[in-house]
């Protein structure tokens, strides 16, 4: 697996722990590159990337990476009037996952706090479920 990212490692949403774990499992992390062309005849064979500067302008230097599959991450942005209060582009929550809107909890990648790890998101879901139970029944989980 090769992970190609258009900015530096310090700008990735993945935590340093997640990046290091991926690299330790053999994932090649390429930074400051943007895809230019998928090369193949009916099936992908390679993908060509161009290196970019910090301002995202191309350097003219390219590299080709052998590939048999290409997956594109599209990112996400929270935007809208009906959303709970946001903090740094994510839903602001309490430790129990409560948002600024009554009856709305959030956790994982869309919420503030914690590490960006699956295990953290699962724990946040558990904490929110326990708080929801308390709100609905009046009885602590």
N, C-alpha and C. Protein backbone atom coordinates (compact mmCIF):
# COMPACT_ATOMS: atom_id res chain seq x y z
N UNK A 1 0.85 -1.19 0.00
CA UNK A 1 0.00 0.00 0.00
C UNK A 1 0.88 1.24 0.00
N UNK A 2 0.53 2.18 -0.85
CA UNK A 2 1.18 3.49 -0.86
C UNK A 2 0.12 4.53 -0.57
N UNK A 3 0.35 5.35 0.43
CA UNK A 3 -0.54 6.45 0.76
C UNK A 3 0.12 7.72 0.23
N UNK A 4 -0.56 8.42 -0.67
CA UNK A 4 -0.03 9.66 -1.24
C UNK A 4 -0.84 10.83 -0.70
N UNK A 5 -0.14 11.83 -0.19
CA UNK A 5 -0.82 12.98 0.45
C UNK A 5 -0.24 14.27 -0.09
N UNK A 6 -1.10 15.23 -0.35
CA UNK A 6 -0.68 16.47 -1.01
C UNK A 6 0.04 17.46 -0.09
N UNK A 7 0.00 17.24 1.19
CA UNK A 7 0.69 18.11 2.14
C UNK A 7 1.71 17.28 2.92
N UNK A 8 2.29 17.88 3.96
CA UNK A 8 3.26 17.17 4.79
C UNK A 8 2.58 16.31 5.84
N UNK A 9 3.35 15.42 6.45
CA UNK A 9 2.81 14.54 7.49
C UNK A 9 2.17 15.32 8.63
N UNK A 10 2.74 16.49 8.93
CA UNK A 10 2.21 17.30 10.03
C UNK A 10 0.80 17.82 9.75
N UNK A 11 0.35 17.79 8.52
CA UNK A 11 -0.99 18.28 8.16
C UNK A 11 -2.01 17.16 8.01
N UNK A 12 -1.56 15.91 8.16
CA UNK A 12 -2.48 14.77 8.03
C UNK A 12 -3.45 14.74 9.20
N UNK A 13 -4.67 14.29 8.92
CA UNK A 13 -5.64 14.11 10.00
C UNK A 13 -5.31 12.89 10.84
N UNK A 14 -4.56 11.95 10.28
CA UNK A 14 -4.14 10.78 11.05
C UNK A 14 -3.14 11.22 12.11
N UNK A 15 -3.27 10.65 13.30
CA UNK A 15 -2.33 10.98 14.37
C UNK A 15 -0.94 10.43 14.01
N UNK A 16 0.08 10.93 14.69
CA UNK A 16 1.44 10.44 14.49
C UNK A 16 1.49 8.94 14.79
N UNK A 17 0.78 8.52 15.83
CA UNK A 17 0.73 7.10 16.17
C UNK A 17 0.18 6.29 15.00
N UNK A 18 -0.93 6.75 14.40
CA UNK A 18 -1.52 6.03 13.27
C UNK A 18 -0.57 5.99 12.08
N UNK A 19 0.09 7.11 11.81
CA UNK A 19 1.05 7.16 10.71
C UNK A 19 2.20 6.18 10.93
N UNK A 20 2.75 6.20 12.14
CA UNK A 20 3.87 5.29 12.46
C UNK A 20 3.43 3.83 12.43
N UNK A 21 2.22 3.56 12.91
CA UNK A 21 1.71 2.19 12.88
C UNK A 21 1.55 1.71 11.44
N UNK A 22 0.99 2.56 10.59
CA UNK A 22 0.83 2.19 9.17
C UNK A 22 2.20 1.92 8.54
N UNK A 23 3.15 2.81 8.78
CA UNK A 23 4.48 2.64 8.21
C UNK A 23 5.14 1.35 8.73
N UNK A 24 4.92 1.03 10.00
CA UNK A 24 5.51 -0.19 10.57
C UNK A 24 4.91 -1.45 9.96
N UNK A 25 3.72 -1.32 9.39
CA UNK A 25 3.06 -2.46 8.73
C UNK A 25 3.33 -2.49 7.24
N UNK A 26 4.26 -1.63 6.77
CA UNK A 26 4.66 -1.67 5.37
C UNK A 26 4.01 -0.64 4.46
N UNK A 27 3.20 0.24 5.02
CA UNK A 27 2.57 1.28 4.19
C UNK A 27 3.62 2.34 3.86
N UNK A 28 3.77 2.62 2.59
CA UNK A 28 4.67 3.68 2.12
C UNK A 28 3.88 4.99 2.14
N UNK A 29 4.38 5.99 2.85
CA UNK A 29 3.71 7.28 2.92
C UNK A 29 4.50 8.29 2.10
N UNK A 30 3.87 8.78 1.03
CA UNK A 30 4.47 9.81 0.18
C UNK A 30 3.76 11.13 0.49
N UNK A 31 4.54 12.17 0.71
CA UNK A 31 3.94 13.47 1.01
C UNK A 31 4.33 14.49 -0.06
N UNK A 32 3.56 15.57 -0.09
CA UNK A 32 3.76 16.67 -1.04
C UNK A 32 3.68 16.19 -2.48
N UNK A 33 2.70 15.33 -2.75
CA UNK A 33 2.48 14.85 -4.12
C UNK A 33 1.00 14.94 -4.47
N UNK A 34 0.72 15.17 -5.76
CA UNK A 34 -0.66 15.16 -6.26
C UNK A 34 -0.71 14.23 -7.47
N UNK A 35 -1.82 13.51 -7.63
CA UNK A 35 -1.92 12.61 -8.78
C UNK A 35 -2.05 13.41 -10.07
N UNK A 36 -1.34 12.98 -11.10
CA UNK A 36 -1.40 13.62 -12.41
C UNK A 36 -2.05 12.72 -13.45
N UNK A 37 -1.75 11.41 -13.39
CA UNK A 37 -2.25 10.52 -14.43
C UNK A 37 -2.30 9.08 -13.92
N UNK A 38 -3.37 8.39 -14.29
CA UNK A 38 -3.44 6.95 -14.05
C UNK A 38 -3.07 6.29 -15.36
N UNK A 39 -2.10 5.40 -15.31
CA UNK A 39 -1.54 4.80 -16.52
C UNK A 39 -1.92 3.32 -16.57
N UNK A 40 -2.41 2.89 -17.72
CA UNK A 40 -2.78 1.50 -17.93
C UNK A 40 -3.61 1.38 -19.19
N UNK A 41 -3.86 0.17 -19.60
CA UNK A 41 -4.64 -0.08 -20.80
C UNK A 41 -5.81 -0.97 -20.40
N UNK A 42 -6.91 -0.37 -19.96
CA UNK A 42 -8.06 -1.13 -19.49
C UNK A 42 -8.01 -1.46 -18.02
N UNK A 43 -6.85 -1.38 -17.42
CA UNK A 43 -6.67 -1.61 -15.99
C UNK A 43 -5.48 -0.77 -15.54
N UNK A 44 -5.56 -0.26 -14.32
CA UNK A 44 -4.47 0.57 -13.81
C UNK A 44 -3.19 -0.26 -13.70
N UNK A 45 -2.09 0.36 -14.08
CA UNK A 45 -0.76 -0.26 -13.99
C UNK A 45 0.16 0.59 -13.13
N UNK A 46 0.03 1.92 -13.30
CA UNK A 46 0.84 2.88 -12.55
C UNK A 46 0.01 4.14 -12.32
N UNK A 47 0.46 4.93 -11.36
CA UNK A 47 -0.09 6.26 -11.18
C UNK A 47 1.08 7.23 -11.11
N UNK A 48 0.95 8.33 -11.82
CA UNK A 48 2.01 9.34 -11.84
C UNK A 48 1.61 10.48 -10.91
N UNK A 49 2.55 10.86 -10.06
CA UNK A 49 2.36 11.96 -9.12
C UNK A 49 3.34 13.08 -9.46
N UNK A 50 2.93 14.32 -9.16
CA UNK A 50 3.83 15.46 -9.25
C UNK A 50 4.07 15.98 -7.84
N UNK A 51 5.33 16.27 -7.55
CA UNK A 51 5.66 16.87 -6.26
C UNK A 51 5.20 18.32 -6.25
N UNK A 52 4.73 18.77 -5.08
CA UNK A 52 4.26 20.15 -4.93
C UNK A 52 4.97 20.83 -3.78
N UNK A 53 5.02 22.16 -3.86
CA UNK A 53 5.56 22.99 -2.79
C UNK A 53 4.51 23.19 -1.71
N UNK A 54 4.88 23.86 -0.64
CA UNK A 54 3.95 24.13 0.46
C UNK A 54 2.72 24.89 -0.01
N UNK A 55 2.86 25.72 -1.05
CA UNK A 55 1.70 26.48 -1.56
C UNK A 55 0.91 25.69 -2.60
N UNK A 56 1.19 24.40 -2.73
CA UNK A 56 0.51 23.47 -3.63
C UNK A 56 0.82 23.69 -5.10
N UNK A 57 1.86 24.49 -5.40
CA UNK A 57 2.25 24.65 -6.80
C UNK A 57 3.19 23.51 -7.18
N UNK A 58 3.00 23.01 -8.41
CA UNK A 58 3.79 21.89 -8.89
C UNK A 58 5.25 22.25 -9.08
N UNK A 59 6.12 21.29 -8.82
CA UNK A 59 7.56 21.50 -8.99
C UNK A 59 8.03 21.06 -10.37
N UNK A 60 7.19 20.30 -11.07
CA UNK A 60 7.59 19.74 -12.36
C UNK A 60 8.23 18.38 -12.22
N UNK A 61 8.64 18.02 -11.01
CA UNK A 61 9.25 16.71 -10.77
C UNK A 61 8.13 15.69 -10.54
N UNK A 62 8.19 14.56 -11.25
CA UNK A 62 7.17 13.54 -11.12
C UNK A 62 7.78 12.21 -10.72
N UNK A 63 6.91 11.33 -10.26
CA UNK A 63 7.31 9.97 -9.91
C UNK A 63 6.15 9.05 -10.28
N UNK A 64 6.48 7.86 -10.77
CA UNK A 64 5.47 6.87 -11.09
C UNK A 64 5.53 5.74 -10.07
N UNK A 65 4.36 5.30 -9.64
CA UNK A 65 4.26 4.25 -8.64
C UNK A 65 3.44 3.11 -9.23
N UNK A 66 3.97 1.89 -9.22
CA UNK A 66 3.19 0.74 -9.70
C UNK A 66 1.90 0.62 -8.87
N UNK A 67 0.81 0.28 -9.54
CA UNK A 67 -0.48 0.16 -8.83
C UNK A 67 -1.39 -0.82 -9.56
N UNK A 68 -2.22 -1.51 -8.79
CA UNK A 68 -3.26 -2.33 -9.39
C UNK A 68 -4.64 -1.89 -8.93
N UNK A 69 -4.66 -0.95 -7.98
CA UNK A 69 -5.90 -0.33 -7.52
C UNK A 69 -5.59 1.10 -7.11
N UNK A 70 -6.57 1.99 -7.27
CA UNK A 70 -6.44 3.37 -6.82
C UNK A 70 -7.69 3.71 -6.03
N UNK A 71 -7.52 4.15 -4.80
CA UNK A 71 -8.63 4.58 -3.96
C UNK A 71 -8.44 6.06 -3.67
N UNK A 72 -9.50 6.84 -3.80
CA UNK A 72 -9.42 8.28 -3.58
C UNK A 72 -10.16 8.65 -2.30
N UNK A 73 -9.45 9.31 -1.40
CA UNK A 73 -10.07 9.83 -0.18
C UNK A 73 -10.62 11.21 -0.50
N UNK A 74 -11.87 11.46 -0.16
CA UNK A 74 -12.51 12.71 -0.56
C UNK A 74 -12.54 13.76 0.54
N UNK A 75 -12.25 13.38 1.77
CA UNK A 75 -12.27 14.34 2.86
C UNK A 75 -13.70 14.67 3.26
N UNK A 76 -13.82 15.54 4.25
CA UNK A 76 -15.15 15.93 4.71
C UNK A 76 -15.08 17.31 5.33
N UNK A 77 -16.17 18.04 5.16
CA UNK A 77 -16.27 19.37 5.75
C UNK A 77 -17.68 19.52 6.32
N UNK A 78 -17.76 19.93 7.56
CA UNK A 78 -19.05 20.18 8.18
C UNK A 78 -19.44 21.63 7.90
N UNK A 79 -20.63 21.82 7.35
CA UNK A 79 -21.07 23.16 7.01
C UNK A 79 -22.59 23.17 6.98
N UNK A 80 -23.18 24.15 7.60
CA UNK A 80 -24.63 24.26 7.56
C UNK A 80 -25.16 24.96 8.79
N UNK A 81 -26.33 25.52 8.65
CA UNK A 81 -26.92 26.29 9.75
C UNK A 81 -27.48 25.39 10.85
N UNK A 82 -27.90 24.18 10.52
CA UNK A 82 -28.55 23.31 11.50
C UNK A 82 -27.55 22.48 12.31
N UNK A 83 -26.27 22.70 12.09
CA UNK A 83 -25.25 21.91 12.80
C UNK A 83 -25.06 22.41 14.23
N UNK A 84 -24.61 21.52 15.10
CA UNK A 84 -24.21 21.96 16.44
C UNK A 84 -23.00 22.90 16.34
N UNK A 85 -22.63 23.50 17.46
CA UNK A 85 -21.46 24.38 17.50
C UNK A 85 -20.23 23.61 17.05
N UNK A 86 -19.39 24.28 16.27
CA UNK A 86 -18.17 23.66 15.76
C UNK A 86 -16.95 24.25 16.45
N UNK A 87 -15.89 23.45 16.51
CA UNK A 87 -14.61 23.88 17.04
C UNK A 87 -13.53 23.27 16.15
N UNK A 88 -12.73 24.11 15.53
CA UNK A 88 -11.69 23.66 14.60
C UNK A 88 -12.26 22.74 13.50
N UNK A 89 -13.46 23.07 13.02
CA UNK A 89 -14.06 22.32 11.94
C UNK A 89 -14.73 21.02 12.33
N UNK A 90 -14.81 20.76 13.63
CA UNK A 90 -15.45 19.54 14.12
C UNK A 90 -16.54 19.92 15.12
N UNK A 91 -17.44 18.99 15.40
CA UNK A 91 -18.52 19.24 16.35
C UNK A 91 -17.94 19.30 17.76
N UNK A 92 -18.19 20.41 18.46
CA UNK A 92 -17.73 20.56 19.84
C UNK A 92 -18.61 19.69 20.74
N UNK A 93 -17.96 18.86 21.57
CA UNK A 93 -18.69 17.94 22.44
C UNK A 93 -18.12 17.95 23.85
N UNK A 94 -18.95 17.48 24.79
CA UNK A 94 -18.50 17.25 26.16
C UNK A 94 -17.81 15.88 26.20
N UNK A 95 -17.32 15.50 27.37
CA UNK A 95 -16.69 14.18 27.51
C UNK A 95 -17.66 13.04 27.20
N UNK A 96 -18.95 13.28 27.41
CA UNK A 96 -19.95 12.25 27.12
C UNK A 96 -20.44 12.33 25.68
N UNK A 97 -19.87 13.24 24.89
CA UNK A 97 -20.25 13.34 23.48
C UNK A 97 -21.44 14.25 23.20
N UNK A 98 -21.92 14.95 24.21
CA UNK A 98 -23.07 15.85 23.99
C UNK A 98 -22.63 17.06 23.16
N UNK A 99 -23.47 17.41 22.21
CA UNK A 99 -23.21 18.59 21.39
C UNK A 99 -24.00 19.77 21.97
N UNK A 100 -23.96 20.90 21.29
CA UNK A 100 -24.69 22.09 21.75
C UNK A 100 -26.18 21.99 21.48
N UNK A 101 -26.63 20.96 20.78
CA UNK A 101 -28.06 20.76 20.49
C UNK A 101 -28.58 19.63 21.37
N UNK A 102 -29.65 19.91 22.12
CA UNK A 102 -30.24 18.88 22.98
C UNK A 102 -30.60 17.65 22.15
N UNK A 103 -30.23 16.49 22.67
CA UNK A 103 -30.57 15.24 22.01
C UNK A 103 -29.63 14.84 20.88
N UNK A 104 -28.52 15.57 20.71
CA UNK A 104 -27.56 15.25 19.66
C UNK A 104 -26.20 15.00 20.28
N UNK A 105 -25.67 13.80 20.04
CA UNK A 105 -24.34 13.42 20.49
C UNK A 105 -23.47 13.18 19.27
N UNK A 106 -22.17 13.29 19.44
CA UNK A 106 -21.25 13.05 18.32
C UNK A 106 -19.96 12.44 18.86
N UNK A 107 -19.25 11.74 17.99
CA UNK A 107 -17.98 11.14 18.37
C UNK A 107 -17.19 10.78 17.13
N UNK A 108 -15.99 10.27 17.34
CA UNK A 108 -15.16 9.87 16.21
C UNK A 108 -14.58 11.05 15.46
N UNK A 109 -14.37 10.86 14.18
CA UNK A 109 -13.69 11.87 13.35
C UNK A 109 -14.42 13.20 13.26
N UNK A 110 -15.74 13.22 13.44
CA UNK A 110 -16.47 14.47 13.26
C UNK A 110 -16.51 15.31 14.53
N UNK A 111 -16.01 14.78 15.65
CA UNK A 111 -16.10 15.48 16.93
C UNK A 111 -14.72 15.85 17.46
N UNK A 112 -14.70 16.89 18.30
CA UNK A 112 -13.44 17.33 18.90
C UNK A 112 -13.05 16.38 20.03
N UNK A 113 -11.78 16.43 20.39
CA UNK A 113 -11.29 15.67 21.54
C UNK A 113 -10.79 14.30 21.15
N UNK A 114 -9.93 13.76 21.96
CA UNK A 114 -9.42 12.41 21.76
C UNK A 114 -8.49 12.29 20.58
N UNK A 115 -7.90 11.12 20.47
CA UNK A 115 -7.03 10.81 19.34
C UNK A 115 -7.88 10.38 18.15
N UNK A 116 -7.35 10.51 16.96
CA UNK A 116 -8.04 10.05 15.76
C UNK A 116 -7.77 8.57 15.56
N UNK A 117 -8.21 7.77 16.49
CA UNK A 117 -8.01 6.32 16.43
C UNK A 117 -9.36 5.63 16.49
N UNK A 118 -9.47 4.50 15.82
CA UNK A 118 -10.72 3.74 15.84
C UNK A 118 -11.10 3.37 17.26
N UNK A 119 -10.14 2.93 18.05
CA UNK A 119 -10.45 2.53 19.42
C UNK A 119 -11.00 3.71 20.22
N UNK A 120 -10.52 4.91 19.95
CA UNK A 120 -11.04 6.09 20.64
C UNK A 120 -12.47 6.36 20.20
N UNK A 121 -12.74 6.25 18.90
CA UNK A 121 -14.09 6.47 18.39
C UNK A 121 -15.07 5.47 19.00
N UNK A 122 -14.64 4.22 19.14
CA UNK A 122 -15.49 3.20 19.75
C UNK A 122 -15.78 3.55 21.20
N UNK A 123 -14.75 3.97 21.93
CA UNK A 123 -14.94 4.36 23.34
C UNK A 123 -15.87 5.57 23.44
N UNK A 124 -15.72 6.53 22.52
CA UNK A 124 -16.61 7.69 22.53
C UNK A 124 -18.05 7.27 22.26
N UNK A 125 -18.24 6.31 21.37
CA UNK A 125 -19.59 5.78 21.11
C UNK A 125 -20.19 5.14 22.34
N UNK A 126 -19.36 4.37 23.05
CA UNK A 126 -19.81 3.74 24.30
C UNK A 126 -20.20 4.79 25.32
N UNK A 127 -19.35 5.80 25.50
CA UNK A 127 -19.63 6.86 26.48
C UNK A 127 -20.91 7.61 26.12
N UNK A 128 -21.09 7.91 24.84
CA UNK A 128 -22.30 8.60 24.40
C UNK A 128 -23.53 7.72 24.64
N UNK A 129 -23.43 6.43 24.34
CA UNK A 129 -24.56 5.51 24.54
C UNK A 129 -24.95 5.46 26.02
N UNK A 130 -23.96 5.44 26.90
CA UNK A 130 -24.25 5.42 28.33
C UNK A 130 -24.93 6.72 28.76
N UNK A 131 -24.48 7.85 28.21
CA UNK A 131 -25.08 9.14 28.55
C UNK A 131 -26.50 9.23 27.97
N UNK A 132 -26.70 8.74 26.77
CA UNK A 132 -28.03 8.73 26.16
C UNK A 132 -28.98 7.90 27.02
N UNK A 133 -28.51 6.74 27.46
CA UNK A 133 -29.32 5.88 28.34
C UNK A 133 -29.72 6.64 29.60
N UNK A 134 -28.77 7.35 30.21
CA UNK A 134 -29.05 8.11 31.41
C UNK A 134 -30.09 9.21 31.13
N UNK A 135 -29.95 9.91 30.02
CA UNK A 135 -30.88 10.98 29.66
C UNK A 135 -32.29 10.42 29.44
N UNK A 136 -32.38 9.29 28.75
CA UNK A 136 -33.69 8.74 28.41
C UNK A 136 -34.38 8.05 29.58
N UNK A 137 -33.61 7.42 30.46
CA UNK A 137 -34.21 6.65 31.55
C UNK A 137 -34.06 7.29 32.93
N UNK A 138 -33.11 8.23 33.04
CA UNK A 138 -32.84 8.81 34.34
C UNK A 138 -32.00 7.90 35.22
N UNK A 139 -31.54 6.78 34.65
CA UNK A 139 -30.75 5.81 35.40
C UNK A 139 -29.37 5.71 34.77
N UNK A 140 -28.33 5.89 35.60
CA UNK A 140 -26.98 5.76 35.09
C UNK A 140 -26.72 4.34 34.65
N UNK A 141 -26.05 4.19 33.47
CA UNK A 141 -25.79 2.90 32.83
C UNK A 141 -25.02 1.96 33.66
